Amino acid sequence: MILRITVGDNDFTEEELIACIRYAHIFNRKVYLTVNTLVKEREMCELYSYLKPFYEAGLDGVIV
C-alpha cells in the first residue's frame, strides 16, 4: 500500500507521522518517507534535522 501525503493545509504533523510509523510496524509493514524536492548541499544538515525524529521512531527509509 502506498500512502501519498501532499503539501498544503492538511499536512501531517511530526507527531502524527511518528504515530503512523509505529502503527505500521505493529503489522510488520515498512514505512518510507518521500521528500519531493531537490536538496542542495547546503541544505543537507537541515534535511537531516527534519528526518532524525522519524528515523528514531523507526522509519525504514527515505526517497529523495
PDB file of N, CA and C in Angstrom:
ATOM      1  N   MET A   1       0.834  -1.174   0.000  1.00  0.00           N
ATOM      2  CA  MET A   1       0.000   0.000   0.000  1.00  0.00           C
ATOM      3  C   MET A   1       0.883   1.242   0.000  1.00  0.00           C
ATOM      4  N   ILE A   2       0.510   2.217  -0.785  1.00  0.00           N
ATOM      5  CA  ILE A   2       1.250   3.479  -0.848  1.00  0.00           C
ATOM      6  C   ILE A   2       0.347   4.583  -0.329  1.00  0.00           C
ATOM      7  N   LEU A   3       0.832   5.317   0.640  1.00  0.00           N
ATOM      8  CA  LEU A   3       0.116   6.457   1.187  1.00  0.00           C
ATOM      9  C   LEU A   3       0.764   7.714   0.650  1.00  0.00           C
ATOM     10  N   ARG A   4      -0.007   8.543   0.016  1.00  0.00           N
ATOM     11  CA  ARG A   4       0.533   9.781  -0.535  1.00  0.00           C
ATOM     12  C   ARG A   4       0.098  10.941   0.355  1.00  0.00           C
ATOM     13  N   ILE A   5       1.072  11.717   0.786  1.00  0.00           N
ATOM     14  CA  ILE A   5       0.811  12.894   1.614  1.00  0.00           C
ATOM     15  C   ILE A   5       1.232  14.110   0.819  1.00  0.00           C
ATOM     16  N   THR A   6       0.319  15.033   0.617  1.00  0.00           N
ATOM     17  CA  THR A   6       0.630  16.208  -0.184  1.00  0.00           C
ATOM     18  C   THR A   6       0.891  17.416   0.700  1.00  0.00           C
ATOM     19  N   VAL A   7       1.590  18.377   0.141  1.00  0.00           N
ATOM     20  CA  VAL A   7       1.871  19.619   0.856  1.00  0.00           C
ATOM     21  C   VAL A   7       0.650  20.513   0.749  1.00  0.00           C
ATOM     22  N   GLY A   8       0.307  21.111   1.838  1.00  0.00           N
ATOM     23  CA  GLY A   8      -0.844  22.000   1.855  1.00  0.00           C
ATOM     24  C   GLY A   8      -1.345  22.176   3.268  1.00  0.00           C
ATOM     25  N   ASP A   9      -2.572  22.596   3.385  1.00  0.00           N
ATOM     26  CA  ASP A   9      -3.145  22.854   4.702  1.00  0.00           C
ATOM     27  C   ASP A   9      -3.396  21.583   5.505  1.00  0.00           C
ATOM     28  N   ASN A  10      -3.375  20.429   4.857  1.00  0.00           N
ATOM     29  CA  ASN A  10      -3.709  19.185   5.540  1.00  0.00           C
ATOM     30  C   ASN A  10      -2.488  18.305   5.788  1.00  0.00           C
ATOM     31  N   ASP A  11      -1.314  18.896   5.945  1.00  0.00           N
ATOM     32  CA  ASP A  11      -0.105  18.112   6.206  1.00  0.00           C
ATOM     33  C   ASP A  11      -0.211  17.404   7.553  1.00  0.00           C
ATOM     34  N   PHE A  12       0.430  16.241   7.640  1.00  0.00           N
ATOM     35  CA  PHE A  12       0.535  15.551   8.910  1.00  0.00           C
ATOM     36  C   PHE A  12       1.569  16.275   9.780  1.00  0.00           C
ATOM     37  N   THR A  13       1.334  16.284  11.068  1.00  0.00           N
ATOM     38  CA  THR A  13       2.323  16.830  11.987  1.00  0.00           C
ATOM     39  C   THR A  13       3.415  15.782  12.207  1.00  0.00           C
ATOM     40  N   GLU A  14       4.520  16.197  12.801  1.00  0.00           N
ATOM     41  CA  GLU A  14       5.589  15.264  13.125  1.00  0.00           C
ATOM     42  C   GLU A  14       5.061  14.145  14.027  1.00  0.00           C
ATOM     43  N   GLU A  15       4.259  14.502  15.009  1.00  0.00           N
ATOM     44  CA  GLU A  15       3.706  13.521  15.938  1.00  0.00           C
ATOM     45  C   GLU A  15       2.797  12.520  15.222  1.00  0.00           C
ATOM     46  N   GLU A  16       1.999  13.002  14.274  1.00  0.00           N
ATOM     47  CA  GLU A  16       1.105  12.106  13.532  1.00  0.00           C
ATOM     48  C   GLU A  16       1.898  11.139  12.657  1.00  0.00           C
ATOM     49  N   LEU A  17       2.959  11.629  12.002  1.00  0.00           N
ATOM     50  CA  LEU A  17       3.784  10.748  11.178  1.00  0.00           C
ATOM     51  C   LEU A  17       4.480   9.687  12.018  1.00  0.00           C
ATOM     52  N   ILE A  18       4.970  10.079  13.185  1.00  0.00           N
ATOM     53  CA  ILE A  18       5.619   9.120  14.080  1.00  0.00           C
ATOM     54  C   ILE A  18       4.609   8.067  14.530  1.00  0.00           C
ATOM     55  N   ALA A  19       3.389   8.484  14.829  1.00  0.00           N
ATOM     56  CA  ALA A  19       2.341   7.527  15.213  1.00  0.00           C
ATOM     57  C   ALA A  19       2.046   6.567  14.068  1.00  0.00           C
ATOM     58  N   CYS A  20       2.040   7.069  12.823  1.00  0.00           N
ATOM     59  CA  CYS A  20       1.811   6.209  11.647  1.00  0.00           C
ATOM     60  C   CYS A  20       2.927   5.183  11.499  1.00  0.00           C
ATOM     61  N   ILE A  21       4.160   5.605  11.702  1.00  0.00           N
ATOM     62  CA  ILE A  21       5.305   4.694  11.602  1.00  0.00           C
ATOM     63  C   ILE A  21       5.160   3.570  12.626  1.00  0.00           C
ATOM     64  N   ARG A  22       4.871   3.928  13.849  1.00  0.00           N
ATOM     65  CA  ARG A  22       4.737   2.925  14.911  1.00  0.00           C
ATOM     66  C   ARG A  22       3.561   1.998  14.656  1.00  0.00           C
ATOM     67  N   TYR A  23       2.467   2.541  14.180  1.00  0.00           N
ATOM     68  CA  TYR A  23       1.280   1.727  13.878  1.00  0.00           C
ATOM     69  C   TYR A  23       1.563   0.736  12.758  1.00  0.00           C
ATOM     70  N   ALA A  24       2.207   1.199  11.697  1.00  0.00           N
ATOM     71  CA  ALA A  24       2.534   0.303  10.575  1.00  0.00           C
ATOM     72  C   ALA A  24       3.442  -0.828  11.026  1.00  0.00           C
ATOM     73  N   HIS A  25       4.366  -0.541  11.908  1.00  0.00           N
ATOM     74  CA  HIS A  25       5.307  -1.561  12.378  1.00  0.00           C
ATOM     75  C   HIS A  25       4.630  -2.619  13.245  1.00  0.00           C
ATOM     76  N   ILE A  26       3.507  -2.281  13.869  1.00  0.00           N
ATOM     77  CA  ILE A  26       2.743  -3.287  14.612  1.00  0.00           C
ATOM     78  C   ILE A  26       2.330  -4.420  13.679  1.00  0.00           C
ATOM     79  N   PHE A  27       2.052  -4.072  12.421  1.00  0.00           N
ATOM     80  CA  PHE A  27       1.608  -5.038  11.423  1.00  0.00           C
ATOM     81  C   PHE A  27       2.745  -5.482  10.495  1.00  0.00           C
ATOM     82  N   ASN A  28       3.987  -5.261  10.957  1.00  0.00           N
ATOM     83  CA  ASN A  28       5.182  -5.649  10.199  1.00  0.00           C
ATOM     84  C   ASN A  28       5.220  -5.038   8.798  1.00  0.00           C
ATOM     85  N   ARG A  29       4.805  -3.801   8.690  1.00  0.00           N
ATOM     86  CA  ARG A  29       4.855  -3.069   7.422  1.00  0.00           C
ATOM     87  C   ARG A  29       5.978  -2.044   7.490  1.00  0.00           C
ATOM     88  N   LYS A  30       6.607  -1.813   6.348  1.00  0.00           N
ATOM     89  CA  LYS A  30       7.678  -0.818   6.275  1.00  0.00           C
ATOM     90  C   LYS A  30       7.105   0.528   5.869  1.00  0.00           C
ATOM     91  N   VAL A  31       7.785   1.577   6.318  1.00  0.00           N
ATOM     92  CA  VAL A  31       7.353   2.936   6.012  1.00  0.00           C
ATOM     93  C   VAL A  31       8.521   3.690   5.395  1.00  0.00           C
ATOM     94  N   TYR A  32       8.263   4.270   4.223  1.00  0.00           N
ATOM     95  CA  TYR A  32       9.257   5.081   3.527  1.00  0.00           C
ATOM     96  C   TYR A  32       8.685   6.489   3.378  1.00  0.00           C
ATOM     97  N   LEU A  33       9.489   7.467   3.638  1.00  0.00           N
ATOM     98  CA  LEU A  33       9.082   8.861   3.525  1.00  0.00           C
ATOM     99  C   LEU A  33       9.714   9.447   2.266  1.00  0.00           C
ATOM    100  N   THR A  34       8.895  10.051   1.427  1.00  0.00           N
ATOM    101  CA  THR A  34       9.393  10.676   0.207  1.00  0.00           C
ATOM    102  C   THR A  34       9.554  12.174   0.421  1.00  0.00           C
ATOM    103  N   VAL A  35      10.725  12.688   0.067  1.00  0.00           N
ATOM    104  CA  VAL A  35      10.985  14.120   0.124  1.00  0.00           C
ATOM    105  C   VAL A  35      10.988  14.591  -1.326  1.00  0.00           C
ATOM    106  N   ASN A  36       9.904  15.239  -1.717  1.00  0.00           N
ATOM    107  CA  ASN A  36       9.738  15.644  -3.114  1.00  0.00           C
ATOM    108  C   ASN A  36      10.290  17.035  -3.364  1.00  0.00           C
ATOM    109  N   THR A  37      11.589  17.133  -3.264  1.00  0.00           N
ATOM    110  CA  THR A  37      12.239  18.402  -3.555  1.00  0.00           C
ATOM    111  C   THR A  37      13.699  18.125  -3.889  1.00  0.00           C
ATOM    112  N   LEU A  38      14.307  19.023  -4.575  1.00  0.00           N
ATOM    113  CA  LEU A  38      15.743  18.909  -4.823  1.00  0.00           C
ATOM    114  C   LEU A  38      16.467  19.495  -3.625  1.00  0.00           C
ATOM    115  N   VAL A  39      17.334  18.721  -3.045  1.00  0.00           N
ATOM    116  CA  VAL A  39      18.053  19.162  -1.853  1.00  0.00           C
ATOM    117  C   VAL A  39      19.443  19.630  -2.261  1.00  0.00           C
ATOM    118  N   LYS A  40      19.746  20.864  -1.911  1.00  0.00           N
ATOM    119  CA  LYS A  40      21.068  21.406  -2.207  1.00  0.00           C
ATOM    120  C   LYS A  40      22.030  20.994  -1.094  1.00  0.00           C
ATOM    121  N   GLU A  41      23.303  20.972  -1.405  1.00  0.00           N
ATOM    122  CA  GLU A  41      24.308  20.536  -0.442  1.00  0.00           C
ATOM    123  C   GLU A  41      24.227  21.339   0.856  1.00  0.00           C
ATOM    124  N   ARG A  42      23.996  22.621   0.753  1.00  0.00           N
ATOM    125  CA  ARG A  42      23.950  23.464   1.949  1.00  0.00           C
ATOM    126  C   ARG A  42      22.698  23.191   2.798  1.00  0.00           C
ATOM    127  N   GLU A  43      21.733  22.470   2.250  1.00  0.00           N
ATOM    128  CA  GLU A  43      20.501  22.163   2.967  1.00  0.00           C
ATOM    129  C   GLU A  43      20.513  20.782   3.622  1.00  0.00           C
ATOM    130  N   MET A  44      21.590  20.015   3.427  1.00  0.00           N
ATOM    131  CA  MET A  44      21.640  18.643   3.926  1.00  0.00           C
ATOM    132  C   MET A  44      21.506  18.580   5.454  1.00  0.00           C
ATOM    133  N   CYS A  45      22.125  19.489   6.179  1.00  0.00           N
ATOM    134  CA  CYS A  45      22.018  19.478   7.649  1.00  0.00           C
ATOM    135  C   CYS A  45      20.576  19.712   8.084  1.00  0.00           C
ATOM    136  N   GLU A  46      19.910  20.610   7.392  1.00  0.00           N
ATOM    137  CA  GLU A  46      18.510  20.898   7.714  1.00  0.00           C
ATOM    138  C   GLU A  46      17.632  19.683   7.417  1.00  0.00           C
ATOM    139  N   LEU A  47      17.900  19.004   6.306  1.00  0.00           N
ATOM    140  CA  LEU A  47      17.154  17.797   5.961  1.00  0.00           C
ATOM    141  C   LEU A  47      17.397  16.718   7.006  1.00  0.00           C
ATOM    142  N   TYR A  48      18.642  16.567   7.431  1.00  0.00           N
ATOM    143  CA  TYR A  48      18.976  15.585   8.462  1.00  0.00           C
ATOM    144  C   TYR A  48      18.192  15.875   9.742  1.00  0.00           C
ATOM    145  N   SER A  49      18.147  17.126  10.152  1.00  0.00           N
ATOM    146  CA  SER A  49      17.412  17.509  11.361  1.00  0.00           C
ATOM    147  C   SER A  49      15.923  17.212  11.226  1.00  0.00           C
ATOM    148  N   TYR A  50      15.377  17.422  10.029  1.00  0.00           N
ATOM    149  CA  TYR A  50      13.957  17.156   9.775  1.00  0.00           C
ATOM    150  C   TYR A  50      13.659  15.660   9.858  1.00  0.00           C
ATOM    151  N   LEU A  51      14.553  14.837   9.308  1.00  0.00           N
ATOM    152  CA  LEU A  51      14.308  13.396   9.232  1.00  0.00           C
ATOM    153  C   LEU A  51      14.656  12.637  10.505  1.00  0.00           C
ATOM    154  N   LYS A  52      15.524  13.187  11.331  1.00  0.00           N
ATOM    155  CA  LYS A  52      16.018  12.474  12.513  1.00  0.00           C
ATOM    156  C   LYS A  52      14.916  11.917  13.411  1.00  0.00           C
ATOM    157  N   PRO A  53      13.885  12.687  13.775  1.00  0.00           N
ATOM    158  CA  PRO A  53      12.856  12.115  14.649  1.00  0.00           C
ATOM    159  C   PRO A  53      12.126  10.924  14.023  1.00  0.00           C
ATOM    160  N   PHE A  54      11.999  10.937  12.686  1.00  0.00           N
ATOM    161  CA  PHE A  54      11.316   9.832  12.015  1.00  0.00           C
ATOM    162  C   PHE A  54      12.174   8.570  12.035  1.00  0.00           C
ATOM    163  N   TYR A  55      13.470   8.729  11.821  1.00  0.00           N
ATOM    164  CA  TYR A  55      14.376   7.579  11.917  1.00  0.00           C
ATOM    165  C   TYR A  55      14.421   7.038  13.345  1.00  0.00           C
ATOM    166  N   GLU A  56      14.399   7.931  14.320  1.00  0.00           N
ATOM    167  CA  GLU A  56      14.392   7.495  15.712  1.00  0.00           C
ATOM    168  C   GLU A  56      13.123   6.716  16.039  1.00  0.00           C
ATOM    169  N   ALA A  57      12.038   7.030  15.326  1.00  0.00           N
ATOM    170  CA  ALA A  57      10.769   6.327  15.522  1.00  0.00           C
ATOM    171  C   ALA A  57      10.709   5.025  14.732  1.00  0.00           C
ATOM    172  N   GLY A  58      11.729   4.766  13.882  1.00  0.00           N
ATOM    173  CA  GLY A  58      11.762   3.510  13.146  1.00  0.00           C
ATOM    174  C   GLY A  58      11.509   3.613  11.664  1.00  0.00           C
ATOM    175  N   LEU A  59      11.547   4.821  11.105  1.00  0.00           N
ATOM    176  CA  LEU A  59      11.354   4.981   9.665  1.00  0.00           C
ATOM    177  C   LEU A  59      12.302   4.057   8.915  1.00  0.00           C
ATOM    178  N   ASP A  60      11.784   3.344   7.927  1.00  0.00           N
ATOM    179  CA  ASP A  60      12.587   2.355   7.211  1.00  0.00           C
ATOM    180  C   ASP A  60      13.454   2.943   6.108  1.00  0.00           C
ATOM    181  N   GLY A  61      13.082   4.082   5.560  1.00  0.00           N
ATOM    182  CA  GLY A  61      13.908   4.667   4.516  1.00  0.00           C
ATOM    183  C   GLY A  61      13.325   5.972   4.015  1.00  0.00           C
ATOM    184  N   VAL A  62      14.154   6.690   3.268  1.00  0.00           N
ATOM    185  CA  VAL A  62      13.748   7.973   2.692  1.00  0.00           C
ATOM    186  C   VAL A  62      14.026   7.924   1.197  1.00  0.00           C
ATOM    187  N   ILE A  63      13.093   8.419   0.434  1.00  0.00           N
ATOM    188  CA  ILE A  63      13.255   8.538  -1.010  1.00  0.00           C
ATOM    189  C   ILE A  63      13.341  10.021  -1.318  1.00  0.00           C
ATOM    190  N   VAL A  64      14.470  10.434  -1.895  1.00  0.00           N
ATOM    191  CA  VAL A  64      14.664  11.855  -2.233  1.00  0.00           C
ATOM    192  C   VAL A  64      14.640  12.007  -3.730  1.00  0.00           C
TER     193      VAL A  64
END
